[in-house]
């Protein structure tokens, strides 16, 4: 579901960990750390097992897969058209499996900037983006993104032109959204590997844009 917010309310303050907002650990982090410590102390898990799980999530699944998809879409118009039309089939064809739910790719354009949130919990395309960042699961982001998206983006250091529509997409267990960011200027002639290196996780959630190469 898309929530179109071309204006925003600047009241209130963010309590999540965006690049422009440093704060104490959230209650979610504190609970997670306490649970991890208890499981390790009681011999249910080992720190090595936890590290191995995180390694799998960041390498077998991870933002490098999403970046590869973005780079190919920028380089291959036919691939991009198919991706926007039927992402699940295309992802399976290129060997990205394990995506829960129905993935829909939404493209940033000259007149629309997209950002993704899960207002209920933390639904997220893990195989494409890896572990969700802490701020994505934080209540402040989940509640404010649909109400004052421009303010939230500003706290990430992203100022969207007033003439550009901001569309907020609410992920769920049934559908996971993935942002195809705009290709930056100055990247003509770059290879897919070079393009993929420019793409970070936040740009595929919509809280950042891909910067032009230095």
N, C-alpha and C. Protein backbone atom coordinates (compact mmCIF):
# COMPACT_ATOMS: atom_id res chain seq x y z
N UNK A 1 0.85 -1.20 0.00
CA UNK A 1 0.00 0.00 0.00
C UNK A 1 0.87 1.24 0.00
N UNK A 2 0.59 2.17 -0.84
CA UNK A 2 1.38 3.40 -0.92
C UNK A 2 0.66 4.53 -0.22
N UNK A 3 1.40 5.28 0.60
CA UNK A 3 0.88 6.49 1.22
C UNK A 3 1.60 7.67 0.60
N UNK A 4 0.89 8.50 -0.13
CA UNK A 4 1.51 9.63 -0.80
C UNK A 4 1.52 10.82 0.14
N UNK A 5 2.72 11.30 0.49
CA UNK A 5 2.83 12.46 1.38
C UNK A 5 3.69 13.51 0.70
N UNK A 6 3.06 14.51 0.12
CA UNK A 6 3.82 15.58 -0.52
C UNK A 6 4.06 16.73 0.43
N UNK A 7 3.54 16.62 1.67
CA UNK A 7 3.82 17.61 2.69
C UNK A 7 4.11 16.87 3.98
N UNK A 8 4.63 17.57 4.99
CA UNK A 8 4.92 16.87 6.22
C UNK A 8 4.80 17.80 7.41
N UNK A 9 4.67 17.18 8.58
CA UNK A 9 4.54 17.88 9.84
C UNK A 9 5.87 17.77 10.57
N UNK A 10 6.49 18.90 10.90
CA UNK A 10 7.80 18.88 11.50
C UNK A 10 7.77 18.77 13.02
N UNK A 11 6.60 18.52 13.62
CA UNK A 11 6.53 18.42 15.06
C UNK A 11 7.07 17.07 15.51
N UNK A 12 7.63 17.02 16.72
CA UNK A 12 8.12 15.76 17.26
C UNK A 12 9.57 15.53 16.94
N UNK A 13 10.15 14.55 17.59
CA UNK A 13 11.56 14.25 17.42
C UNK A 13 11.74 12.76 17.20
N UNK A 14 12.78 12.40 16.48
CA UNK A 14 13.08 11.00 16.22
C UNK A 14 13.91 10.42 17.35
N UNK A 15 13.64 9.14 17.65
CA UNK A 15 14.42 8.45 18.66
C UNK A 15 15.13 7.24 18.07
N UNK A 16 15.11 7.09 16.74
CA UNK A 16 15.81 5.96 16.14
C UNK A 16 17.19 6.40 15.69
N UNK A 17 18.00 5.40 15.35
CA UNK A 17 19.41 5.66 15.06
C UNK A 17 19.62 5.92 13.58
N UNK A 18 19.31 7.12 13.14
CA UNK A 18 19.62 7.53 11.79
C UNK A 18 20.99 8.19 11.79
N UNK A 19 21.61 8.37 10.62
CA UNK A 19 22.93 9.00 10.60
C UNK A 19 22.95 10.37 11.26
N UNK A 20 21.80 11.06 11.27
CA UNK A 20 21.76 12.39 11.86
C UNK A 20 21.21 12.37 13.29
N UNK A 21 21.00 11.19 13.84
CA UNK A 21 20.39 11.09 15.16
C UNK A 21 21.07 10.01 15.97
N UNK A 22 21.95 10.41 16.89
CA UNK A 22 22.66 9.47 17.73
C UNK A 22 21.95 9.40 19.08
N UNK A 23 21.69 8.20 19.58
CA UNK A 23 20.96 8.07 20.82
C UNK A 23 21.42 6.84 21.58
N UNK A 24 20.90 6.68 22.79
CA UNK A 24 21.18 5.49 23.56
C UNK A 24 20.54 4.29 22.88
N UNK A 25 20.95 3.12 23.26
CA UNK A 25 20.40 1.91 22.65
C UNK A 25 18.89 1.85 22.86
N UNK A 26 18.18 1.41 21.84
CA UNK A 26 16.73 1.30 21.93
C UNK A 26 16.36 0.14 22.84
N UNK A 27 15.11 0.12 23.28
CA UNK A 27 14.64 -0.98 24.12
C UNK A 27 14.73 -2.30 23.37
N UNK A 28 14.53 -2.28 22.05
CA UNK A 28 14.64 -3.48 21.23
C UNK A 28 16.07 -4.03 21.30
N UNK A 29 17.07 -3.15 21.16
CA UNK A 29 18.45 -3.59 21.23
C UNK A 29 18.80 -4.14 22.60
N UNK A 30 18.35 -3.45 23.65
CA UNK A 30 18.65 -3.89 25.01
C UNK A 30 18.06 -5.27 25.26
N UNK A 31 16.81 -5.49 24.83
CA UNK A 31 16.18 -6.80 25.02
C UNK A 31 16.92 -7.88 24.23
N UNK A 32 17.31 -7.55 23.00
CA UNK A 32 18.02 -8.52 22.17
C UNK A 32 19.36 -8.90 22.79
N UNK A 33 20.08 -7.91 23.29
CA UNK A 33 21.37 -8.17 23.92
C UNK A 33 21.21 -9.00 25.18
N UNK A 34 20.18 -8.71 25.97
CA UNK A 34 19.94 -9.46 27.19
C UNK A 34 19.57 -10.91 26.88
N UNK A 35 18.74 -11.10 25.83
CA UNK A 35 18.35 -12.45 25.43
C UNK A 35 19.56 -13.23 24.95
N UNK A 36 20.38 -12.59 24.12
CA UNK A 36 21.59 -13.25 23.63
C UNK A 36 22.49 -13.68 24.79
N UNK A 37 22.70 -12.77 25.74
CA UNK A 37 23.56 -13.08 26.89
C UNK A 37 23.02 -14.25 27.69
N UNK A 38 21.69 -14.27 27.89
CA UNK A 38 21.08 -15.35 28.66
C UNK A 38 21.21 -16.69 27.95
N UNK A 39 20.99 -16.69 26.63
CA UNK A 39 21.10 -17.94 25.86
C UNK A 39 22.53 -18.48 25.88
N UNK A 40 23.49 -17.59 25.75
CA UNK A 40 24.90 -18.02 25.79
C UNK A 40 25.27 -18.52 27.18
N UNK A 41 24.85 -17.79 28.21
CA UNK A 41 25.19 -18.15 29.58
C UNK A 41 24.62 -19.51 29.97
N UNK A 42 23.44 -19.82 29.42
CA UNK A 42 22.80 -21.10 29.75
C UNK A 42 23.14 -22.21 28.77
N UNK A 43 24.04 -21.96 27.88
CA UNK A 43 24.52 -23.00 26.97
C UNK A 43 23.58 -23.36 25.84
N UNK A 44 22.56 -22.55 25.62
CA UNK A 44 21.63 -22.81 24.52
C UNK A 44 22.27 -22.46 23.18
N UNK A 45 23.01 -21.38 23.16
CA UNK A 45 23.73 -20.94 21.98
C UNK A 45 25.16 -20.61 22.36
N UNK A 46 26.02 -20.55 21.34
CA UNK A 46 27.38 -20.08 21.55
C UNK A 46 27.57 -18.80 20.75
N UNK A 47 28.53 -18.01 21.16
CA UNK A 47 28.79 -16.78 20.40
C UNK A 47 29.24 -17.12 18.99
N UNK A 48 29.93 -18.25 18.81
CA UNK A 48 30.35 -18.66 17.46
C UNK A 48 29.14 -18.95 16.58
N UNK A 49 28.11 -19.57 17.15
CA UNK A 49 26.90 -19.88 16.38
C UNK A 49 26.19 -18.60 15.97
N UNK A 50 26.16 -17.64 16.88
CA UNK A 50 25.53 -16.35 16.57
C UNK A 50 26.30 -15.63 15.48
N UNK A 51 27.63 -15.62 15.59
CA UNK A 51 28.46 -14.98 14.58
C UNK A 51 28.28 -15.65 13.22
N UNK A 52 28.16 -16.98 13.23
CA UNK A 52 27.99 -17.72 11.97
C UNK A 52 26.66 -17.36 11.31
N UNK A 53 25.60 -17.22 12.14
CA UNK A 53 24.29 -16.85 11.60
C UNK A 53 24.34 -15.46 10.97
N UNK A 54 24.96 -14.52 11.69
CA UNK A 54 25.07 -13.16 11.16
C UNK A 54 25.86 -13.16 9.86
N UNK A 55 26.92 -13.98 9.79
CA UNK A 55 27.74 -14.06 8.58
C UNK A 55 26.91 -14.56 7.40
N UNK A 56 26.07 -15.58 7.65
CA UNK A 56 25.20 -16.09 6.59
C UNK A 56 24.23 -15.02 6.11
N UNK A 57 23.63 -14.30 7.07
CA UNK A 57 22.66 -13.28 6.71
C UNK A 57 23.28 -12.14 5.93
N UNK A 58 24.56 -11.84 6.20
CA UNK A 58 25.20 -10.72 5.53
C UNK A 58 25.92 -11.11 4.24
N UNK A 59 26.13 -12.41 4.01
CA UNK A 59 26.87 -12.83 2.82
C UNK A 59 26.01 -13.68 1.88
N UNK A 60 25.40 -14.75 2.39
CA UNK A 60 24.49 -15.50 1.54
C UNK A 60 23.28 -14.64 1.18
N UNK A 61 22.73 -13.97 2.19
CA UNK A 61 21.71 -12.95 2.00
C UNK A 61 22.39 -11.62 2.31
N UNK A 62 22.07 -10.59 1.60
CA UNK A 62 22.71 -9.33 1.95
C UNK A 62 22.53 -8.25 0.91
N UNK A 63 22.87 -7.02 1.26
CA UNK A 63 22.66 -5.89 0.35
C UNK A 63 23.47 -5.96 -0.94
N UNK A 64 24.54 -6.77 -0.95
CA UNK A 64 25.30 -6.92 -2.20
C UNK A 64 24.45 -7.57 -3.29
N UNK A 65 23.49 -8.43 -2.89
CA UNK A 65 22.58 -9.01 -3.87
C UNK A 65 21.65 -7.95 -4.45
N UNK A 66 21.09 -7.13 -3.58
CA UNK A 66 20.23 -6.05 -4.05
C UNK A 66 20.98 -5.08 -4.94
N UNK A 67 22.22 -4.76 -4.56
CA UNK A 67 23.02 -3.84 -5.37
C UNK A 67 23.29 -4.42 -6.76
N UNK A 68 23.49 -5.72 -6.82
CA UNK A 68 23.71 -6.37 -8.12
C UNK A 68 22.46 -6.28 -8.99
N UNK A 69 21.29 -6.44 -8.37
CA UNK A 69 20.03 -6.32 -9.11
C UNK A 69 19.85 -4.90 -9.64
N UNK A 70 20.15 -3.91 -8.80
CA UNK A 70 20.02 -2.51 -9.21
C UNK A 70 20.95 -2.21 -10.39
N UNK A 71 22.20 -2.65 -10.27
CA UNK A 71 23.19 -2.37 -11.32
C UNK A 71 22.76 -2.98 -12.66
N UNK A 72 22.23 -4.18 -12.61
CA UNK A 72 21.79 -4.81 -13.85
C UNK A 72 20.59 -4.09 -14.44
N UNK A 73 19.67 -3.66 -13.57
CA UNK A 73 18.49 -2.92 -14.05
C UNK A 73 18.90 -1.61 -14.71
N UNK A 74 19.91 -0.95 -14.16
CA UNK A 74 20.41 0.29 -14.76
C UNK A 74 21.06 0.03 -16.12
N UNK A 75 21.65 -1.15 -16.28
CA UNK A 75 22.43 -1.45 -17.48
C UNK A 75 21.63 -2.13 -18.57
N UNK A 76 20.53 -2.78 -18.20
CA UNK A 76 19.78 -3.62 -19.14
C UNK A 76 18.29 -3.24 -19.09
N UNK A 77 17.83 -2.44 -20.04
CA UNK A 77 16.42 -2.00 -20.03
C UNK A 77 15.41 -3.14 -20.04
N UNK A 78 15.72 -4.22 -20.76
CA UNK A 78 14.80 -5.35 -20.81
C UNK A 78 14.70 -6.02 -19.43
N UNK A 79 15.85 -6.20 -18.79
CA UNK A 79 15.86 -6.77 -17.45
C UNK A 79 15.07 -5.89 -16.49
N UNK A 80 15.27 -4.58 -16.58
CA UNK A 80 14.56 -3.64 -15.71
C UNK A 80 13.05 -3.75 -15.90
N UNK A 81 12.60 -3.81 -17.13
CA UNK A 81 11.17 -3.90 -17.41
C UNK A 81 10.57 -5.17 -16.80
N UNK A 82 11.29 -6.27 -16.95
CA UNK A 82 10.81 -7.54 -16.39
C UNK A 82 10.83 -7.51 -14.86
N UNK A 83 11.84 -6.88 -14.29
CA UNK A 83 11.96 -6.78 -12.84
C UNK A 83 10.78 -6.00 -12.26
N UNK A 84 10.43 -4.89 -12.89
CA UNK A 84 9.32 -4.08 -12.41
C UNK A 84 7.98 -4.80 -12.60
N UNK A 85 7.91 -5.66 -13.60
CA UNK A 85 6.66 -6.36 -13.90
C UNK A 85 6.47 -7.61 -13.05
N UNK A 86 7.56 -8.37 -12.82
CA UNK A 86 7.45 -9.65 -12.10
C UNK A 86 8.78 -9.95 -11.41
N UNK A 87 9.01 -9.26 -10.30
CA UNK A 87 10.30 -9.37 -9.61
C UNK A 87 10.58 -10.78 -9.14
N UNK A 88 9.58 -11.49 -8.65
CA UNK A 88 9.82 -12.82 -8.09
C UNK A 88 10.39 -13.79 -9.12
N UNK A 89 9.83 -13.78 -10.31
CA UNK A 89 10.33 -14.66 -11.37
C UNK A 89 11.76 -14.29 -11.73
N UNK A 90 12.02 -13.01 -11.89
CA UNK A 90 13.36 -12.55 -12.28
C UNK A 90 14.39 -12.89 -11.21
N UNK A 91 14.06 -12.68 -9.95
CA UNK A 91 15.00 -12.97 -8.86
C UNK A 91 15.33 -14.46 -8.81
N UNK A 92 14.33 -15.29 -9.02
CA UNK A 92 14.57 -16.73 -9.04
C UNK A 92 15.49 -17.10 -10.19
N UNK A 93 15.28 -16.50 -11.35
CA UNK A 93 16.11 -16.80 -12.53
C UNK A 93 17.57 -16.46 -12.31
N UNK A 94 17.85 -15.41 -11.55
CA UNK A 94 19.25 -15.02 -11.35
C UNK A 94 19.83 -15.59 -10.07
N UNK A 95 19.11 -16.54 -9.46
CA UNK A 95 19.67 -17.29 -8.35
C UNK A 95 19.49 -16.70 -6.98
N UNK A 96 18.59 -15.72 -6.84
CA UNK A 96 18.30 -15.15 -5.51
C UNK A 96 17.02 -15.80 -5.01
N UNK A 97 17.18 -16.69 -4.05
CA UNK A 97 16.03 -17.44 -3.55
C UNK A 97 15.79 -17.12 -2.09
N UNK A 98 14.72 -17.66 -1.56
CA UNK A 98 14.42 -17.49 -0.14
C UNK A 98 13.69 -16.22 0.20
N UNK A 99 13.23 -15.48 -0.82
CA UNK A 99 12.49 -14.25 -0.55
C UNK A 99 11.10 -14.62 -0.05
N UNK A 100 10.78 -14.20 1.18
CA UNK A 100 9.47 -14.49 1.74
C UNK A 100 8.45 -13.49 1.21
N UNK A 101 7.29 -14.02 0.87
CA UNK A 101 6.25 -13.13 0.38
C UNK A 101 6.49 -12.71 -1.05
N UNK A 102 5.67 -11.84 -1.54
CA UNK A 102 5.72 -11.36 -2.90
C UNK A 102 6.53 -10.07 -2.96
N UNK A 103 7.64 -10.07 -3.68
CA UNK A 103 8.48 -8.87 -3.76
C UNK A 103 8.00 -7.98 -4.90
N UNK A 104 7.87 -6.71 -4.61
CA UNK A 104 7.53 -5.74 -5.65
C UNK A 104 8.61 -4.67 -5.68
N UNK A 105 9.12 -4.40 -6.86
CA UNK A 105 10.15 -3.38 -7.04
C UNK A 105 9.48 -2.08 -7.46
N UNK A 106 9.83 -1.01 -6.76
CA UNK A 106 9.26 0.31 -7.05
C UNK A 106 10.39 1.25 -7.44
N UNK A 107 10.21 1.95 -8.52
CA UNK A 107 11.30 2.74 -9.12
C UNK A 107 11.22 4.22 -8.75
N UNK A 108 12.33 4.75 -8.30
CA UNK A 108 12.43 6.20 -8.13
C UNK A 108 12.56 6.87 -9.49
N UNK A 109 11.85 7.96 -9.68
CA UNK A 109 11.86 8.67 -10.95
C UNK A 109 12.12 10.15 -10.70
N UNK A 110 12.09 10.93 -11.76
CA UNK A 110 12.32 12.37 -11.63
C UNK A 110 11.26 13.04 -10.76
N UNK A 111 10.04 12.49 -10.77
CA UNK A 111 8.96 13.16 -10.03
C UNK A 111 8.46 12.40 -8.81
N UNK A 112 9.03 11.21 -8.52
CA UNK A 112 8.60 10.43 -7.35
C UNK A 112 9.79 9.80 -6.64
N UNK A 113 9.82 9.99 -5.33
CA UNK A 113 10.81 9.30 -4.49
C UNK A 113 10.05 8.33 -3.60
N UNK A 114 10.50 7.08 -3.57
CA UNK A 114 9.84 6.04 -2.78
C UNK A 114 10.66 5.70 -1.55
N UNK A 115 9.96 5.39 -0.46
CA UNK A 115 10.62 4.87 0.72
C UNK A 115 9.74 3.77 1.31
N UNK A 116 10.39 2.83 2.02
CA UNK A 116 9.70 1.64 2.51
C UNK A 116 9.72 1.61 4.03
N UNK A 117 8.62 1.14 4.59
CA UNK A 117 8.49 0.97 6.03
C UNK A 117 7.64 -0.27 6.27
N UNK A 118 7.74 -0.84 7.45
CA UNK A 118 6.79 -1.85 7.88
C UNK A 118 6.17 -1.32 9.16
N UNK A 119 4.95 -0.86 9.08
CA UNK A 119 4.33 -0.19 10.22
C UNK A 119 3.97 -1.15 11.35
N UNK A 120 3.83 -2.45 11.04
CA UNK A 120 3.42 -3.41 12.06
C UNK A 120 4.60 -4.06 12.76
N UNK A 121 5.67 -4.36 12.02
CA UNK A 121 6.81 -5.04 12.65
C UNK A 121 8.08 -4.71 11.88
N UNK A 122 8.61 -5.68 11.13
CA UNK A 122 9.85 -5.42 10.38
C UNK A 122 9.92 -6.26 9.11
N UNK A 123 8.80 -6.39 8.40
CA UNK A 123 8.79 -7.14 7.14
C UNK A 123 9.76 -6.49 6.16
N UNK A 124 10.55 -7.32 5.49
CA UNK A 124 11.75 -6.80 4.83
C UNK A 124 12.28 -7.89 3.89
N UNK A 125 12.78 -7.55 2.70
CA UNK A 125 13.30 -8.56 1.77
C UNK A 125 14.73 -9.00 2.14
N UNK A 126 14.86 -9.84 3.15
CA UNK A 126 16.16 -10.24 3.68
C UNK A 126 17.15 -10.75 2.62
N UNK A 127 16.76 -11.66 1.72
CA UNK A 127 17.74 -12.15 0.75
C UNK A 127 18.35 -11.06 -0.13
N UNK A 128 17.62 -9.97 -0.32
CA UNK A 128 18.12 -8.86 -1.13
C UNK A 128 18.91 -7.84 -0.32
N UNK A 129 18.57 -7.67 0.94
CA UNK A 129 19.14 -6.59 1.73
C UNK A 129 19.85 -7.03 3.00
N UNK A 130 19.81 -8.31 3.33
CA UNK A 130 20.45 -8.77 4.55
C UNK A 130 19.62 -8.43 5.78
N UNK A 131 20.29 -8.38 6.94
CA UNK A 131 19.59 -8.08 8.17
C UNK A 131 19.03 -6.65 8.15
N UNK A 132 17.80 -6.47 8.59
CA UNK A 132 17.25 -5.11 8.62
C UNK A 132 18.00 -4.26 9.64
N UNK A 133 18.26 -3.00 9.32
CA UNK A 133 18.93 -2.13 10.29
C UNK A 133 18.05 -1.91 11.51
N UNK A 134 18.68 -1.60 12.63
CA UNK A 134 17.93 -1.41 13.88
C UNK A 134 16.87 -0.34 13.74
N UNK A 135 17.20 0.76 13.06
CA UNK A 135 16.24 1.86 12.96
C UNK A 135 14.99 1.46 12.18
N UNK A 136 15.12 0.48 11.26
CA UNK A 136 13.96 0.05 10.48
C UNK A 136 12.92 -0.62 11.38
N UNK A 137 13.38 -1.26 12.46
CA UNK A 137 12.48 -1.95 13.39
C UNK A 137 12.00 -1.05 14.51
N UNK A 138 12.59 0.12 14.64
CA UNK A 138 12.29 1.01 15.75
C UNK A 138 10.90 1.64 15.57
N UNK A 139 10.17 1.75 16.66
CA UNK A 139 8.80 2.29 16.60
C UNK A 139 8.78 3.72 16.05
N UNK A 140 9.79 4.51 16.38
CA UNK A 140 9.80 5.90 15.91
C UNK A 140 9.81 5.97 14.38
N UNK A 141 10.63 5.14 13.74
CA UNK A 141 10.66 5.12 12.27
C UNK A 141 9.35 4.57 11.73
N UNK A 142 8.87 3.47 12.30
CA UNK A 142 7.66 2.82 11.79
C UNK A 142 6.43 3.72 11.91
N UNK A 143 6.38 4.52 12.94
CA UNK A 143 5.21 5.38 13.13
C UNK A 143 5.32 6.70 12.39
N UNK A 144 6.53 7.25 12.29
CA UNK A 144 6.68 8.58 11.71
C UNK A 144 6.82 8.56 10.19
N UNK A 145 7.33 7.47 9.62
CA UNK A 145 7.61 7.44 8.18
C UNK A 145 6.35 7.69 7.35
N UNK A 146 5.20 7.21 7.82
CA UNK A 146 3.97 7.39 7.05
C UNK A 146 3.30 8.72 7.33
N UNK A 147 3.69 9.39 8.42
CA UNK A 147 3.05 10.64 8.81
C UNK A 147 3.84 11.85 8.36
N UNK A 148 5.14 11.80 8.52
CA UNK A 148 6.00 12.93 8.16
C UNK A 148 7.26 12.42 7.46
N UNK A 149 7.08 11.83 6.28
CA UNK A 149 8.22 11.21 5.60
C UNK A 149 9.35 12.17 5.26
N UNK A 150 9.02 13.39 4.90
CA UNK A 150 10.08 14.33 4.54
C UNK A 150 10.95 14.69 5.75
N UNK A 151 10.33 14.79 6.90
CA UNK A 151 11.10 15.05 8.12
C UNK A 151 12.02 13.88 8.43
N UNK A 152 11.50 12.67 8.29
CA UNK A 152 12.31 11.48 8.55
C UNK A 152 13.48 11.42 7.57
N UNK A 153 13.22 11.65 6.29
CA UNK A 153 14.29 11.63 5.30
C UNK A 153 15.32 12.71 5.59
N UNK A 154 14.87 13.85 6.05
CA UNK A 154 15.78 14.94 6.38
C UNK A 154 16.74 14.52 7.50
N UNK A 155 16.24 13.72 8.44
CA UNK A 155 17.09 13.25 9.53
C UNK A 155 18.13 12.24 9.06
N UNK A 156 17.89 11.65 7.91
CA UNK A 156 18.88 10.78 7.29
C UNK A 156 19.82 11.58 6.39
N UNK A 157 19.63 12.89 6.35
CA UNK A 157 20.47 13.74 5.52
C UNK A 157 19.99 13.86 4.09
N UNK A 158 18.75 13.48 3.85
CA UNK A 158 18.20 13.50 2.49
C UNK A 158 17.09 14.54 2.38
N UNK A 159 17.32 15.55 1.59
CA UNK A 159 16.34 16.61 1.36
C UNK A 159 15.71 16.39 -0.02
N UNK A 160 14.41 16.13 -0.04
CA UNK A 160 13.69 15.88 -1.29
C UNK A 160 13.09 17.19 -1.79
N UNK A 161 13.28 17.47 -3.06
CA UNK A 161 12.75 18.69 -3.66
C UNK A 161 11.24 18.75 -3.44
N UNK A 162 10.71 19.92 -3.08
CA UNK A 162 9.26 20.04 -2.84
C UNK A 162 8.39 19.62 -4.01
N UNK A 163 8.93 19.71 -5.23
CA UNK A 163 8.17 19.33 -6.40
C UNK A 163 8.13 17.82 -6.62
N UNK A 164 8.93 17.08 -5.86
CA UNK A 164 8.99 15.62 -6.01
C UNK A 164 8.06 14.97 -5.00
N UNK A 165 7.19 14.11 -5.47
CA UNK A 165 6.26 13.40 -4.61
C UNK A 165 7.00 12.34 -3.80
N UNK A 166 6.66 12.21 -2.52
CA UNK A 166 7.23 11.15 -1.69
C UNK A 166 6.15 10.10 -1.47
N UNK A 167 6.40 8.88 -1.92
CA UNK A 167 5.46 7.78 -1.75
C UNK A 167 6.02 6.79 -0.73
N UNK A 168 5.23 6.47 0.27
CA UNK A 168 5.65 5.56 1.34
C UNK A 168 4.92 4.23 1.15
N UNK A 169 5.70 3.14 1.11
CA UNK A 169 5.15 1.82 0.86
C UNK A 169 5.26 0.97 2.12
N UNK A 170 4.15 0.40 2.52
CA UNK A 170 4.06 -0.35 3.77
C UNK A 170 4.22 -1.85 3.51
N UNK A 171 5.40 -2.38 3.83
CA UNK A 171 5.66 -3.81 3.64
C UNK A 171 4.83 -4.63 4.61
N UNK A 172 4.57 -5.88 4.23
CA UNK A 172 3.80 -6.78 5.08
C UNK A 172 4.30 -8.20 4.84
N UNK A 173 3.70 -9.16 5.53
CA UNK A 173 4.07 -10.55 5.34
C UNK A 173 3.72 -11.02 3.93
N UNK A 174 2.75 -10.36 3.30
CA UNK A 174 2.31 -10.78 1.97
C UNK A 174 3.12 -10.13 0.85
N UNK A 175 3.64 -8.93 1.09
CA UNK A 175 4.37 -8.23 0.04
C UNK A 175 5.52 -7.43 0.64
N UNK A 176 6.70 -7.58 0.03
CA UNK A 176 7.89 -6.86 0.48
C UNK A 176 8.31 -5.90 -0.65
N UNK A 177 8.54 -4.66 -0.29
CA UNK A 177 8.90 -3.65 -1.29
C UNK A 177 10.41 -3.44 -1.33
N UNK A 178 10.90 -3.16 -2.51
CA UNK A 178 12.33 -2.95 -2.76
C UNK A 178 12.45 -1.75 -3.70
N UNK A 179 13.20 -0.74 -3.30
CA UNK A 179 13.33 0.48 -4.10
C UNK A 179 14.43 0.33 -5.13
N UNK A 180 14.09 0.64 -6.38
CA UNK A 180 15.09 0.75 -7.44
C UNK A 180 15.49 2.22 -7.51
N UNK A 181 16.65 2.60 -6.96
CA UNK A 181 17.03 4.01 -6.94
C UNK A 181 17.36 4.55 -8.32
N UNK A 182 17.35 5.86 -8.43
CA UNK A 182 17.73 6.50 -9.70
C UNK A 182 19.22 6.31 -9.93
N UNK A 183 19.57 6.10 -11.18
CA UNK A 183 20.98 6.00 -11.55
C UNK A 183 21.59 7.40 -11.51
N UNK A 184 22.70 7.57 -10.80
CA UNK A 184 23.28 8.92 -10.70
C UNK A 184 23.97 9.34 -11.99
N UNK A 185 24.07 10.63 -12.15
CA UNK A 185 24.81 11.17 -13.29
C UNK A 185 26.30 10.81 -13.17
N UNK A 186 26.96 10.78 -14.30
CA UNK A 186 28.39 10.51 -14.29
C UNK A 186 28.75 9.04 -14.25
N UNK A 187 27.76 8.17 -14.48
CA UNK A 187 28.04 6.73 -14.43
C UNK A 187 27.97 6.07 -15.80
N UNK A 188 27.88 6.89 -16.83
CA UNK A 188 27.83 6.34 -18.19
C UNK A 188 29.13 5.58 -18.47
N UNK A 189 28.99 4.40 -19.02
CA UNK A 189 30.17 3.62 -19.37
C UNK A 189 30.70 2.76 -18.24
N UNK A 190 30.13 2.87 -17.04
CA UNK A 190 30.58 2.05 -15.92
C UNK A 190 30.04 0.63 -16.06
N UNK A 191 30.82 -0.35 -15.60
CA UNK A 191 30.41 -1.74 -15.66
C UNK A 191 29.38 -2.01 -14.56
N UNK A 192 28.73 -3.18 -14.63
CA UNK A 192 27.76 -3.53 -13.59
C UNK A 192 28.43 -3.65 -12.23
N UNK A 193 29.64 -4.19 -12.19
CA UNK A 193 30.35 -4.29 -10.91
C UNK A 193 30.65 -2.91 -10.34
N UNK A 194 31.03 -2.01 -11.19
CA UNK A 194 31.33 -0.65 -10.73
C UNK A 194 30.06 0.05 -10.25
N UNK A 195 28.96 -0.17 -10.96
CA UNK A 195 27.69 0.42 -10.56
C UNK A 195 27.22 -0.16 -9.23
N UNK A 196 27.32 -1.48 -9.08
CA UNK A 196 26.88 -2.13 -7.85
C UNK A 196 27.62 -1.59 -6.64
N UNK A 197 28.89 -1.24 -6.82
CA UNK A 197 29.69 -0.73 -5.71
C UNK A 197 29.20 0.62 -5.20
N UNK A 198 28.40 1.32 -6.01
CA UNK A 198 27.87 2.62 -5.61
C UNK A 198 26.61 2.50 -4.75
N UNK A 199 25.96 1.35 -4.82
CA UNK A 199 24.62 1.18 -4.23
C UNK A 199 24.74 0.67 -2.80
N UNK A 200 24.09 1.36 -1.86
CA UNK A 200 24.07 0.87 -0.48
C UNK A 200 22.65 0.50 -0.07
N UNK A 201 22.55 -0.15 1.08
CA UNK A 201 21.27 -0.67 1.56
C UNK A 201 20.22 0.42 1.70
N UNK A 202 20.59 1.56 2.28
CA UNK A 202 19.59 2.60 2.54
C UNK A 202 18.96 3.12 1.26
N UNK A 203 19.73 3.15 0.16
CA UNK A 203 19.17 3.63 -1.10
C UNK A 203 18.12 2.66 -1.64
N UNK A 204 18.18 1.38 -1.21
CA UNK A 204 17.21 0.38 -1.66
C UNK A 204 16.03 0.30 -0.70
N UNK A 205 16.10 1.02 0.41
CA UNK A 205 14.95 1.20 1.30
C UNK A 205 14.29 2.55 1.01
N UNK A 206 15.10 3.50 0.51
CA UNK A 206 14.58 4.80 0.14
C UNK A 206 14.92 5.90 1.11
N UNK A 207 15.78 5.61 2.10
CA UNK A 207 16.21 6.64 3.04
C UNK A 207 17.51 7.30 2.60
N UNK A 208 17.95 6.98 1.39
CA UNK A 208 19.14 7.59 0.81
C UNK A 208 18.99 7.53 -0.70
N UNK A 209 19.82 8.27 -1.40
CA UNK A 209 19.94 8.15 -2.85
C UNK A 209 21.35 7.73 -3.17
N UNK A 210 21.56 7.21 -4.36
CA UNK A 210 22.89 6.79 -4.76
C UNK A 210 23.67 8.01 -5.24
N UNK A 211 24.79 8.24 -4.61
CA UNK A 211 25.61 9.40 -4.93
C UNK A 211 26.40 9.17 -6.21
N UNK A 212 26.64 10.24 -6.93
CA UNK A 212 27.47 10.17 -8.13
C UNK A 212 28.90 9.82 -7.73
N UNK A 213 29.63 9.10 -8.57
CA UNK A 213 31.01 8.75 -8.24
C UNK A 213 31.86 10.00 -8.08
N UNK A 214 32.81 9.94 -7.17
CA UNK A 214 33.68 11.09 -6.92
C UNK A 214 34.60 11.31 -8.10
